């Protein structure tokens, strides 16, 4: 599709930024969503729910930090569904609007101060106790979300 350049004032730019999903939306994405309703937050939420259901992922309550959501989804797919971590990382990235897999990897490595091999060892632990303790410390106030997501039988 042919792209065009437009001039906008600071107030309009600030509004576009306030409506953007950080690290994923371009100004064009925001304008398309606002003007045509494509990938509106409601449609995006329904789309994410359908994609999560296709992986048999439990739902994550609204207000859960994105970093925690991404980590929980990768853990669930690898620990409970036996999906290799690299594939789970790519699938979670696609599920969240096609963000880069490196963005998801960043959540469970850099933000948890872990190497991928250390993360793999924690995910392989029966009961996930080491990983849960790390998540409780990093995401204080979201213990119930972590427990509900990771206490699957």
Protein backbone atom coordinates (compact mmCIF):
# COMPACT_ATOMS: atom_id res chain seq x y z
CA UNK A 1 0.00 0.00 0.00
CA UNK A 2 1.33 3.45 -0.87
CA UNK A 3 2.22 5.58 2.16
CA UNK A 4 1.86 9.38 2.47
CA UNK A 5 3.43 11.96 4.73
CA UNK A 6 1.20 14.35 6.70
CA UNK A 7 1.93 17.20 9.10
CA UNK A 8 0.23 17.15 12.50
CA UNK A 9 0.51 19.47 15.46
CA UNK A 10 1.93 18.49 18.86
CA UNK A 11 -1.50 18.10 20.47
CA UNK A 12 -2.57 15.57 17.82
CA UNK A 13 0.74 13.73 18.12
CA UNK A 14 0.38 13.56 21.91
CA UNK A 15 -3.14 12.15 21.51
CA UNK A 16 -1.93 9.52 19.04
CA UNK A 17 0.80 8.50 21.47
CA UNK A 18 -1.76 8.19 24.29
CA UNK A 19 -3.81 5.80 22.14
CA UNK A 20 -0.86 3.67 21.02
CA UNK A 21 0.14 0.26 22.31
CA UNK A 22 3.80 0.88 23.25
CA UNK A 23 6.40 -0.80 21.02
CA UNK A 24 3.75 -2.19 18.65
CA UNK A 25 1.56 0.58 17.20
CA UNK A 26 2.70 2.99 14.54
CA UNK A 27 0.85 6.30 14.11
CA UNK A 28 -0.85 4.70 11.09
CA UNK A 29 -2.06 1.79 13.26
CA UNK A 30 -3.60 4.20 15.77
CA UNK A 31 -5.27 6.31 13.08
CA UNK A 32 -6.60 3.20 11.31
CA UNK A 33 -8.06 1.92 14.59
CA UNK A 34 -9.60 5.30 15.48
CA UNK A 35 -10.96 6.02 12.02
CA UNK A 36 -12.10 2.59 10.86
CA UNK A 37 -12.43 0.62 14.09
CA UNK A 38 -10.01 -2.01 12.83
CA UNK A 39 -8.24 -3.79 15.66
CA UNK A 40 -10.17 -1.75 18.22
CA UNK A 41 -9.35 -2.69 21.78
CA UNK A 42 -12.55 -4.73 21.96
CA UNK A 43 -11.78 -6.59 18.71
CA UNK A 44 -8.17 -7.01 19.80
CA UNK A 45 -9.25 -8.44 23.16
CA UNK A 46 -11.64 -10.88 21.46
CA UNK A 47 -8.93 -11.84 18.97
CA UNK A 48 -6.43 -12.43 21.78
CA UNK A 49 -8.99 -14.51 23.65
CA UNK A 50 -9.63 -16.68 20.57
CA UNK A 51 -5.90 -17.12 20.04
CA UNK A 52 -5.33 -17.96 23.71
CA UNK A 53 -8.16 -20.48 23.60
CA UNK A 54 -6.58 -22.12 20.53
CA UNK A 55 -3.52 -22.75 22.72
CA UNK A 56 -5.76 -23.75 25.64
CA UNK A 57 -4.29 -20.91 27.69
CA UNK A 58 -6.10 -19.71 30.80
CA UNK A 59 -7.30 -16.12 30.59
CA UNK A 60 -5.37 -13.33 32.30
CA UNK A 61 -7.40 -10.74 34.23
CA UNK A 62 -7.54 -7.16 32.97
CA UNK A 63 -4.93 -5.02 34.65
CA UNK A 64 -2.27 -7.72 34.62
CA UNK A 65 1.07 -6.24 33.53
CA UNK A 66 1.94 -7.22 29.94
CA UNK A 67 5.33 -8.53 31.05
CA UNK A 68 3.68 -10.91 33.52
CA UNK A 69 1.07 -11.97 30.97
CA UNK A 70 3.74 -12.82 28.39
CA UNK A 71 5.86 -14.72 30.93
CA UNK A 72 2.87 -16.71 32.22
CA UNK A 73 1.80 -17.65 28.71
CA UNK A 74 5.28 -18.87 27.73
CA UNK A 75 5.57 -20.81 31.00
CA UNK A 76 2.15 -22.38 30.56
CA UNK A 77 2.83 -23.43 26.97
CA UNK A 78 6.23 -24.94 27.82
CA UNK A 79 5.52 -26.46 31.23
CA UNK A 80 1.94 -27.67 30.81
CA UNK A 81 1.63 -28.16 27.04
CA UNK A 82 5.16 -29.31 26.22
CA UNK A 83 5.72 -26.66 23.56
CA UNK A 84 9.42 -25.81 23.06
CA UNK A 85 10.28 -22.43 24.60
CA UNK A 86 11.35 -20.91 21.27
CA UNK A 87 8.01 -21.84 19.66
CA UNK A 88 6.06 -20.66 22.70
CA UNK A 89 7.92 -17.34 22.53
CA UNK A 90 7.03 -16.92 18.85
CA UNK A 91 3.40 -17.93 19.44
CA UNK A 92 2.99 -15.48 22.33
CA UNK A 93 4.50 -12.72 20.18
CA UNK A 94 2.00 -13.47 17.39
CA UNK A 95 -0.87 -13.66 19.88
CA UNK A 96 -0.06 -10.12 21.02
CA UNK A 97 -0.42 -8.47 17.64
CA UNK A 98 2.75 -9.67 16.02
CA UNK A 99 5.24 -8.10 18.39
CA UNK A 100 8.82 -9.26 17.95
CA UNK A 101 9.66 -12.56 19.67
CA UNK A 102 12.67 -10.74 21.14
CA UNK A 103 10.22 -8.54 23.05
CA UNK A 104 8.70 -11.61 24.72
CA UNK A 105 12.15 -13.12 25.35
CA UNK A 106 13.14 -9.85 27.03
CA UNK A 107 10.30 -10.28 29.53
CA UNK A 108 11.48 -13.64 30.85
CA UNK A 109 15.22 -13.09 30.51
CA UNK A 110 16.33 -9.50 31.00
CA UNK A 111 13.42 -8.39 33.19
CA UNK A 112 13.82 -11.43 35.46
CA UNK A 113 17.62 -11.17 35.28
CA UNK A 114 17.87 -14.71 33.87
CA UNK A 115 19.65 -16.42 31.02
CA UNK A 116 17.39 -18.50 28.78
CA UNK A 117 18.95 -21.70 30.15
CA UNK A 118 18.20 -20.57 33.73
CA UNK A 119 14.61 -19.82 32.74
CA UNK A 120 14.36 -23.29 31.15
CA UNK A 121 15.56 -24.93 34.39
CA UNK A 122 12.97 -23.02 36.44
CA UNK A 123 10.18 -23.95 34.00
CA UNK A 124 11.20 -27.62 34.12
CA UNK A 125 10.92 -27.71 37.94
CA UNK A 126 7.95 -29.73 39.23
CA UNK A 127 5.55 -27.29 40.87
CA UNK A 128 7.42 -24.26 39.45
CA UNK A 129 8.21 -23.10 43.00
CA UNK A 130 11.45 -21.26 42.14
CA UNK A 131 9.85 -19.42 39.23
CA UNK A 132 6.76 -18.55 41.27
CA UNK A 133 8.90 -17.00 44.03
CA UNK A 134 10.75 -14.94 41.44
CA UNK A 135 7.46 -13.78 39.88
CA UNK A 136 5.96 -12.94 43.30
CA UNK A 137 8.97 -10.72 44.02
CA UNK A 138 8.95 -9.03 40.59
CA UNK A 139 5.17 -8.60 40.31
CA UNK A 140 4.22 -7.76 43.86
CA UNK A 141 0.45 -7.60 44.21
CA UNK A 142 -0.23 -10.17 41.48
CA UNK A 143 0.32 -13.32 43.54
CA UNK A 144 -3.25 -14.51 42.96
CA UNK A 145 -2.91 -14.12 39.16
CA UNK A 146 0.36 -16.08 39.23
CA UNK A 147 -1.11 -18.83 41.40
CA UNK A 148 -4.31 -19.12 39.36
CA UNK A 149 -2.34 -19.33 36.13
CA UNK A 150 0.39 -21.70 37.24
CA UNK A 151 -1.44 -24.02 39.64
CA UNK A 152 -2.83 -26.20 36.86
CA UNK A 153 -3.11 -29.95 37.18
